[in-house]
Amino acid sequence: MNIQNCPLCGKIFDQRGFSRVCPSCTEALREDMKTVQAYMDANPSAKIGEAAQGTGVDLGRLKILARQGWVSFPRN
């Protein structure tokens, strides 16, 4: 067992596999990913800040999604 505190919500969870957040936050991030991916499909040149404003998804959560490789943003 690898007991951790979720960095997003603070809940204690058993960290298994690659996820660094609890199952509840993982599900919420998946929903955010769907929202952001739909936005990026419609606005492929949008930078991360534009995506945050356009979707209402917190910039910190977008950075987590990008680090996890769930979404990508143009570099320049």
C-alpha atoms as a PDB file:
ATOM      1  CA  MET A   1       0.000   0.000   0.000  1.00  0.00           C
ATOM      2  CA  ASN A   2       1.120   3.523  -0.786  1.00  0.00           C
ATOM      3  CA  ILE A   3      -1.078   5.876   1.245  1.00  0.00           C
ATOM      4  CA  GLN A   4      -0.976   9.496   0.030  1.00  0.00           C
ATOM      5  CA  ASN A   5      -2.895  12.726   0.435  1.00  0.00           C
ATOM      6  CA  CYS A   6      -4.525  13.906  -2.786  1.00  0.00           C
ATOM      7  CA  PRO A   7      -2.814  17.153  -3.836  1.00  0.00           C
ATOM      8  CA  LEU A   8      -6.114  18.505  -5.158  1.00  0.00           C
ATOM      9  CA  CYS A   9      -8.617  17.767  -2.395  1.00  0.00           C
ATOM     10  CA  GLY A  10      -6.484  16.544   0.511  1.00  0.00           C
ATOM     11  CA  LYS A  11      -8.254  13.193   0.914  1.00  0.00           C
ATOM     12  CA  ILE A  12      -6.170  10.189   1.900  1.00  0.00           C
ATOM     13  CA  PHE A  13      -6.071   7.462  -0.761  1.00  0.00           C
ATOM     14  CA  ASP A  14      -4.114   4.373  -1.746  1.00  0.00           C
ATOM     15  CA  GLN A  15      -1.999   5.481  -4.695  1.00  0.00           C
ATOM     16  CA  ARG A  16      -1.919   2.722  -7.282  1.00  0.00           C
ATOM     17  CA  GLY A  17      -0.577   2.909 -10.797  1.00  0.00           C
ATOM     18  CA  PHE A  18       0.292   6.243 -12.343  1.00  0.00           C
ATOM     19  CA  SER A  19      -2.418   8.479 -10.910  1.00  0.00           C
ATOM     20  CA  ARG A  20      -1.192  10.950  -8.347  1.00  0.00           C
ATOM     21  CA  VAL A  21      -4.667  12.084  -7.336  1.00  0.00           C
ATOM     22  CA  CYS A  22      -7.551  10.299  -5.605  1.00  0.00           C
ATOM     23  CA  PRO A  23     -10.218   8.433  -7.623  1.00  0.00           C
ATOM     24  CA  SER A  24     -12.779  11.235  -7.125  1.00  0.00           C
ATOM     25  CA  CYS A  25     -10.394  13.872  -8.441  1.00  0.00           C
ATOM     26  CA  THR A  26      -9.332  11.565 -11.266  1.00  0.00           C
ATOM     27  CA  GLU A  27     -12.966  11.367 -12.395  1.00  0.00           C
ATOM     28  CA  ALA A  28     -13.346  15.153 -12.123  1.00  0.00           C
ATOM     29  CA  LEU A  29     -10.168  15.613 -14.178  1.00  0.00           C
ATOM     30  CA  ARG A  30     -11.567  13.277 -16.839  1.00  0.00           C
ATOM     31  CA  GLU A  31     -14.661  15.473 -17.082  1.00  0.00           C
ATOM     32  CA  ASP A  32     -12.448  18.578 -17.311  1.00  0.00           C
ATOM     33  CA  MET A  33     -10.444  16.824 -20.026  1.00  0.00           C
ATOM     34  CA  LYS A  34     -13.587  16.250 -22.108  1.00  0.00           C
ATOM     35  CA  THR A  35     -14.510  19.926 -21.784  1.00  0.00           C
ATOM     36  CA  VAL A  36     -11.016  21.116 -22.670  1.00  0.00           C
ATOM     37  CA  GLN A  37     -10.637  18.672 -25.555  1.00  0.00           C
ATOM     38  CA  ALA A  38     -13.901  19.890 -27.098  1.00  0.00           C
ATOM     39  CA  TYR A  39     -12.668  23.473 -26.740  1.00  0.00           C
ATOM     40  CA  MET A  40      -9.277  22.627 -28.267  1.00  0.00           C
ATOM     41  CA  ASP A  41     -10.949  20.814 -31.179  1.00  0.00           C
ATOM     42  CA  ALA A  42     -12.834  24.045 -31.945  1.00  0.00           C
ATOM     43  CA  ASN A  43      -9.829  26.307 -31.159  1.00  0.00           C
ATOM     44  CA  PRO A  44      -6.680  24.312 -32.033  1.00  0.00           C
ATOM     45  CA  SER A  45      -4.292  27.259 -31.670  1.00  0.00           C
ATOM     46  CA  ALA A  46      -5.532  28.269 -28.195  1.00  0.00           C
ATOM     47  CA  LYS A  47      -2.873  28.572 -25.536  1.00  0.00           C
ATOM     48  CA  ILE A  48      -3.379  27.165 -22.041  1.00  0.00           C
ATOM     49  CA  GLY A  49      -4.539  30.517 -20.614  1.00  0.00           C
ATOM     50  CA  GLU A  50      -7.083  30.944 -23.402  1.00  0.00           C
ATOM     51  CA  ALA A  51      -8.366  27.423 -22.765  1.00  0.00           C
ATOM     52  CA  ALA A  52      -8.760  28.213 -19.058  1.00  0.00           C
ATOM     53  CA  GLN A  53     -10.792  31.319 -19.862  1.00  0.00           C
ATOM     54  CA  GLY A  54     -12.801  29.638 -22.608  1.00  0.00           C
ATOM     55  CA  THR A  55     -13.716  26.552 -20.581  1.00  0.00           C
ATOM     56  CA  GLY A  56     -13.781  27.797 -17.009  1.00  0.00           C
ATOM     57  CA  VAL A  57     -11.383  25.001 -16.020  1.00  0.00           C
ATOM     58  CA  ASP A  58      -8.827  26.191 -13.465  1.00  0.00           C
ATOM     59  CA  LEU A  59      -5.340  26.835 -14.884  1.00  0.00           C
ATOM     60  CA  GLY A  60      -3.777  24.543 -12.265  1.00  0.00           C
ATOM     61  CA  ARG A  61      -6.049  21.689 -13.343  1.00  0.00           C
ATOM     62  CA  LEU A  62      -5.135  22.333 -16.987  1.00  0.00           C
ATOM     63  CA  LYS A  63      -1.458  22.043 -16.081  1.00  0.00           C
ATOM     64  CA  ILE A  64      -2.157  18.703 -14.396  1.00  0.00           C
ATOM     65  CA  LEU A  65      -3.992  17.481 -17.498  1.00  0.00           C
ATOM     66  CA  ALA A  66      -1.091  18.559 -19.691  1.00  0.00           C
ATOM     67  CA  ARG A  67       1.495  16.903 -17.416  1.00  0.00           C
ATOM     68  CA  GLN A  68      -0.527  13.688 -17.451  1.00  0.00           C
ATOM     69  CA  GLY A  69      -0.538  13.873 -21.262  1.00  0.00           C
ATOM     70  CA  TRP A  70      -4.344  14.029 -21.409  1.00  0.00           C
ATOM     71  CA  VAL A  71      -4.404  17.310 -23.375  1.00  0.00           C
ATOM     72  CA  SER A  72      -1.795  19.341 -25.209  1.00  0.00           C
ATOM     73  CA  PHE A  73      -1.440  22.990 -26.052  1.00  0.00           C
ATOM     74  CA  PRO A  74       0.621  24.786 -28.721  1.00  0.00           C
ATOM     75  CA  ARG A  75       3.996  25.973 -27.489  1.00  0.00           C
ATOM     76  CA  ASN A  76       4.075  29.450 -29.023  1.00  0.00           C
END
